Amino acid sequence: MARTSLQTAPADLQLLCANAVVAQAGGAKVLPMSSRQLDATSYSVDLDAAGRKFTCIVDSSGSVKSVQPA
């Protein structure tokens, strides 16, 4: 079986997404669960907020582009 390598979002960008989700999650504890690189400058981060799932898109400069319930 061949291994594939996916680029994950740096920790600081995952934390920016987590902070962006807190308001939508009513102050619940938000944890990044997984992430992946979408293109040369964007990452998708999957987050869990007390059982509620969210997806965040953030660029490499730290600008959160979108936060959506998953």
C-alpha atoms as a PDB file:
ATOM      1  CA  MET A   1       0.000   0.000   0.000  1.00  0.00           C
ATOM      2  CA  ALA A   2       1.366   3.413  -0.951  1.00  0.00           C
ATOM      3  CA  ARG A   3       1.519   6.158   1.630  1.00  0.00           C
ATOM      4  CA  THR A   4       0.245   9.569   0.730  1.00  0.00           C
ATOM      5  CA  SER A   5       1.485  12.755   2.299  1.00  0.00           C
ATOM      6  CA  LEU A   6      -0.881  15.619   3.015  1.00  0.00           C
ATOM      7  CA  GLN A   7       0.276  18.998   4.228  1.00  0.00           C
ATOM      8  CA  THR A   8      -1.517  19.982   7.431  1.00  0.00           C
ATOM      9  CA  ALA A   9      -2.177  23.527   8.590  1.00  0.00           C
ATOM     10  CA  PRO A  10       0.421  25.012  10.943  1.00  0.00           C
ATOM     11  CA  ALA A  11      -0.647  25.087  14.596  1.00  0.00           C
ATOM     12  CA  ASP A  12      -0.994  28.882  14.703  1.00  0.00           C
ATOM     13  CA  LEU A  13      -3.479  28.826  11.810  1.00  0.00           C
ATOM     14  CA  GLN A  14      -5.458  26.023  13.463  1.00  0.00           C
ATOM     15  CA  LEU A  15      -5.704  28.131  16.631  1.00  0.00           C
ATOM     16  CA  LEU A  16      -6.902  31.149  14.631  1.00  0.00           C
ATOM     17  CA  CYS A  17      -9.702  28.974  13.254  1.00  0.00           C
ATOM     18  CA  ALA A  18     -10.551  27.669  16.717  1.00  0.00           C
ATOM     19  CA  ASN A  19     -10.840  31.236  18.004  1.00  0.00           C
ATOM     20  CA  ALA A  20     -13.080  32.154  15.063  1.00  0.00           C
ATOM     21  CA  VAL A  21     -15.438  29.255  15.913  1.00  0.00           C
ATOM     22  CA  VAL A  22     -15.792  30.093  19.637  1.00  0.00           C
ATOM     23  CA  ALA A  23     -18.380  32.845  19.022  1.00  0.00           C
ATOM     24  CA  GLN A  24     -20.518  30.597  16.805  1.00  0.00           C
ATOM     25  CA  ALA A  25     -20.234  27.750  19.299  1.00  0.00           C
ATOM     26  CA  GLY A  26     -21.575  29.783  22.204  1.00  0.00           C
ATOM     27  CA  GLY A  27     -18.272  29.824  24.038  1.00  0.00           C
ATOM     28  CA  ALA A  28     -17.865  26.032  23.971  1.00  0.00           C
ATOM     29  CA  LYS A  29     -14.396  24.516  24.096  1.00  0.00           C
ATOM     30  CA  VAL A  30     -13.208  24.247  20.475  1.00  0.00           C
ATOM     31  CA  LEU A  31     -10.595  21.736  19.359  1.00  0.00           C
ATOM     32  CA  PRO A  32      -8.998  21.374  15.920  1.00  0.00           C
ATOM     33  CA  MET A  33      -9.501  17.761  14.788  1.00  0.00           C
ATOM     34  CA  SER A  34      -7.817  17.679  11.379  1.00  0.00           C
ATOM     35  CA  SER A  35      -6.528  19.954   8.679  1.00  0.00           C
ATOM     36  CA  ARG A  36      -5.304  19.862   5.114  1.00  0.00           C
ATOM     37  CA  GLN A  37      -3.801  22.184   2.564  1.00  0.00           C
ATOM     38  CA  LEU A  38      -6.260  23.230  -0.150  1.00  0.00           C
ATOM     39  CA  ASP A  39      -3.879  25.116  -2.433  1.00  0.00           C
ATOM     40  CA  ALA A  40      -0.624  27.060  -2.232  1.00  0.00           C
ATOM     41  CA  THR A  41      -2.011  29.581   0.271  1.00  0.00           C
ATOM     42  CA  SER A  42      -5.155  28.081   1.880  1.00  0.00           C
ATOM     43  CA  TYR A  43      -5.920  25.469   4.507  1.00  0.00           C
ATOM     44  CA  SER A  44      -9.110  23.780   5.667  1.00  0.00           C
ATOM     45  CA  VAL A  45      -9.401  23.025   9.389  1.00  0.00           C
ATOM     46  CA  ASP A  46     -12.062  20.704  10.855  1.00  0.00           C
ATOM     47  CA  LEU A  47     -13.037  21.603  14.416  1.00  0.00           C
ATOM     48  CA  ASP A  48     -15.168  20.132  17.194  1.00  0.00           C
ATOM     49  CA  ALA A  49     -17.039  22.414  19.593  1.00  0.00           C
ATOM     50  CA  ALA A  50     -18.624  20.231  22.283  1.00  0.00           C
ATOM     51  CA  GLY A  51     -19.880  17.785  19.666  1.00  0.00           C
ATOM     52  CA  ARG A  52     -20.766  20.391  17.039  1.00  0.00           C
ATOM     53  CA  LYS A  53     -18.585  20.192  13.920  1.00  0.00           C
ATOM     54  CA  PHE A  54     -17.266  23.197  12.004  1.00  0.00           C
ATOM     55  CA  THR A  55     -15.031  23.737   8.990  1.00  0.00           C
ATOM     56  CA  CYS A  56     -12.809  26.788   8.723  1.00  0.00           C
ATOM     57  CA  ILE A  57     -10.853  28.067   5.721  1.00  0.00           C
ATOM     58  CA  VAL A  58      -7.770  30.122   6.582  1.00  0.00           C
ATOM     59  CA  ASP A  59      -4.986  31.473   4.394  1.00  0.00           C
ATOM     60  CA  SER A  60      -1.281  31.260   5.114  1.00  0.00           C
ATOM     61  CA  SER A  61      -1.171  34.914   6.230  1.00  0.00           C
ATOM     62  CA  GLY A  62      -3.641  34.152   9.055  1.00  0.00           C
ATOM     63  CA  SER A  63      -6.805  35.581   7.533  1.00  0.00           C
ATOM     64  CA  VAL A  64      -9.878  33.456   8.293  1.00  0.00           C
ATOM     65  CA  LYS A  65     -11.864  33.296   5.043  1.00  0.00           C
ATOM     66  CA  SER A  66     -14.904  31.332   6.233  1.00  0.00           C
ATOM     67  CA  VAL A  67     -16.380  29.351   9.127  1.00  0.00           C
ATOM     68  CA  GLN A  68     -19.235  26.960   8.375  1.00  0.00           C
ATOM     69  CA  PRO A  69     -21.057  24.294  10.380  1.00  0.00           C
ATOM     70  CA  ALA A  70     -20.050  20.913   8.988  1.00  0.00           C
END
